Every structure is written in structure tokens, then in C-alpha cells.
């Protein structure tokens, strides 16, 4: 996951350079769209990872409670 985030960060840096070097409205709109899309993808990856971690914690807690009941 870290590698993907690093790729997104690098891509955002490149888009920022492009946006500031060519400040026409079309470039800004493209940059905003790309940035919005990148943030959405990062958020989705984070949510997926968070769900996996939640499921693992729930499974571990269920196992611990089961051990205590025996």
C-alpha cells in the first residue's frame, strides 16, 4: 500500500508542476480533476485496508472470547 501512495504523491507533485507552469483554466481544471481522482483512489484504498484490519481484530477478539469460555 505504501508504494501505491508514494506513486500517487509523485503523480500529484508532477501535476502540481504542470498546473503552475501552465496556468490556463483548462490545465487547472484538469489538475483539479486528476487530484480529486487520486484522493478518491487513496481514500478507497485506505477504507479497504481499514475494513481488513477491522475484520482481523473482530476475528481475534472472537477467538479470545472463545478461549476464555472454554
C-alpha atoms as a PDB file:
ATOM      1  CA  UNK A   1       0.000   0.000   0.000  1.00  0.00           C
ATOM      2  CA  UNK A   2       2.872   2.374   0.776  1.00  0.00           C
ATOM      3  CA  UNK A   3       4.231   2.028  -2.753  1.00  0.00           C
ATOM      4  CA  UNK A   4       0.860   2.992  -4.245  1.00  0.00           C
ATOM      5  CA  UNK A   5       0.588   6.047  -2.005  1.00  0.00           C
ATOM      6  CA  UNK A   6       4.131   7.075  -2.969  1.00  0.00           C
ATOM      7  CA  UNK A   7       3.189   6.768  -6.650  1.00  0.00           C
ATOM      8  CA  UNK A   8       0.134   8.964  -6.086  1.00  0.00           C
ATOM      9  CA  UNK A   9       2.216  11.537  -4.232  1.00  0.00           C
ATOM     10  CA  UNK A  10       4.749  11.628  -7.067  1.00  0.00           C
ATOM     11  CA  UNK A  11       1.955  11.962  -9.616  1.00  0.00           C
ATOM     12  CA  UNK A  12       0.392  14.821  -7.641  1.00  0.00           C
ATOM     13  CA  UNK A  13       3.745  16.601  -7.499  1.00  0.00           C
ATOM     14  CA  UNK A  14       4.114  16.271 -11.261  1.00  0.00           C
ATOM     15  CA  UNK A  15       0.574  17.547 -11.818  1.00  0.00           C
ATOM     16  CA  UNK A  16       1.259  20.489  -9.493  1.00  0.00           C
ATOM     17  CA  UNK A  17       4.319  21.454 -11.530  1.00  0.00           C
ATOM     18  CA  UNK A  18       2.269  21.249 -14.713  1.00  0.00           C
ATOM     19  CA  UNK A  19      -0.565  23.282 -13.204  1.00  0.00           C
ATOM     20  CA  UNK A  20       1.727  26.092 -12.095  1.00  0.00           C
ATOM     21  CA  UNK A  21       3.778  26.125 -15.297  1.00  0.00           C
ATOM     22  CA  UNK A  22       0.671  26.478 -17.449  1.00  0.00           C
ATOM     23  CA  UNK A  23      -1.949  28.422 -15.544  1.00  0.00           C
ATOM     24  CA  UNK A  24      -4.626  28.306 -18.220  1.00  0.00           C
ATOM     25  CA  UNK A  25      -8.079  27.405 -16.873  1.00  0.00           C
ATOM     26  CA  UNK A  26      -8.106  24.108 -18.787  1.00  0.00           C
ATOM     27  CA  UNK A  27      -4.879  22.998 -17.078  1.00  0.00           C
ATOM     28  CA  UNK A  28      -6.242  23.946 -13.658  1.00  0.00           C
ATOM     29  CA  UNK A  29      -9.472  22.061 -14.289  1.00  0.00           C
ATOM     30  CA  UNK A  30      -7.532  19.010 -15.451  1.00  0.00           C
ATOM     31  CA  UNK A  31      -5.272  19.208 -12.398  1.00  0.00           C
ATOM     32  CA  UNK A  32      -8.258  19.518 -10.063  1.00  0.00           C
ATOM     33  CA  UNK A  33      -9.932  16.535 -11.710  1.00  0.00           C
ATOM     34  CA  UNK A  34      -6.767  14.418 -11.510  1.00  0.00           C
ATOM     35  CA  UNK A  35      -6.170  15.400  -7.895  1.00  0.00           C
ATOM     36  CA  UNK A  36      -9.767  14.633  -6.959  1.00  0.00           C
ATOM     37  CA  UNK A  37      -9.494  11.246  -8.635  1.00  0.00           C
ATOM     38  CA  UNK A  38      -6.182  10.462  -6.914  1.00  0.00           C
ATOM     39  CA  UNK A  39      -7.553  11.426  -3.494  1.00  0.00           C
ATOM     40  CA  UNK A  40     -10.627   9.280  -4.124  1.00  0.00           C
ATOM     41  CA  UNK A  41      -8.449   6.296  -5.024  1.00  0.00           C
ATOM     42  CA  UNK A  42      -6.301   6.784  -1.919  1.00  0.00           C
ATOM     43  CA  UNK A  43      -9.427   7.049   0.225  1.00  0.00           C
ATOM     44  CA  UNK A  44     -10.793   3.817  -1.284  1.00  0.00           C
ATOM     45  CA  UNK A  45      -7.500   2.004  -0.627  1.00  0.00           C
ATOM     46  CA  UNK A  46      -7.498   3.298   2.954  1.00  0.00           C
ATOM     47  CA  UNK A  47     -11.106   2.216   3.502  1.00  0.00           C
ATOM     48  CA  UNK A  48     -10.348  -1.251   2.114  1.00  0.00           C
ATOM     49  CA  UNK A  49      -7.309  -1.647   4.373  1.00  0.00           C
ATOM     50  CA  UNK A  50      -9.296  -0.374   7.357  1.00  0.00           C
ATOM     51  CA  UNK A  51     -12.040  -2.933   6.685  1.00  0.00           C
ATOM     52  CA  UNK A  52      -9.488  -5.770   6.537  1.00  0.00           C
ATOM     53  CA  UNK A  53      -7.968  -4.625   9.824  1.00  0.00           C
ATOM     54  CA  UNK A  54     -11.416  -4.363  11.430  1.00  0.00           C
ATOM     55  CA  UNK A  55     -12.277  -7.906  10.331  1.00  0.00           C
ATOM     56  CA  UNK A  56      -8.956  -9.221  11.672  1.00  0.00           C
ATOM     57  CA  UNK A  57      -9.486  -7.518  15.034  1.00  0.00           C
ATOM     58  CA  UNK A  58     -13.036  -8.831  15.275  1.00  0.00           C
ATOM     59  CA  UNK A  59     -11.822 -12.340  14.464  1.00  0.00           C
ATOM     60  CA  UNK A  60      -9.060 -12.122  17.073  1.00  0.00           C
ATOM     61  CA  UNK A  61     -11.475 -10.856  19.733  1.00  0.00           C
ATOM     62  CA  UNK A  62     -13.956 -13.622  18.935  1.00  0.00           C
ATOM     63  CA  UNK A  63     -11.172 -16.207  19.243  1.00  0.00           C
ATOM     64  CA  UNK A  64     -10.017 -14.748  22.586  1.00  0.00           C
ATOM     65  CA  UNK A  65     -13.560 -14.774  23.963  1.00  0.00           C
ATOM     66  CA  UNK A  66     -13.933 -18.363  22.784  1.00  0.00           C
ATOM     67  CA  UNK A  67     -10.726 -19.308  24.600  1.00  0.00           C
ATOM     68  CA  UNK A  68     -11.977 -17.691  27.812  1.00  0.00           C
ATOM     69  CA  UNK A  69     -15.292 -19.544  27.626  1.00  0.00           C
ATOM     70  CA  UNK A  70     -13.586 -22.961  27.480  1.00  0.00           C
END
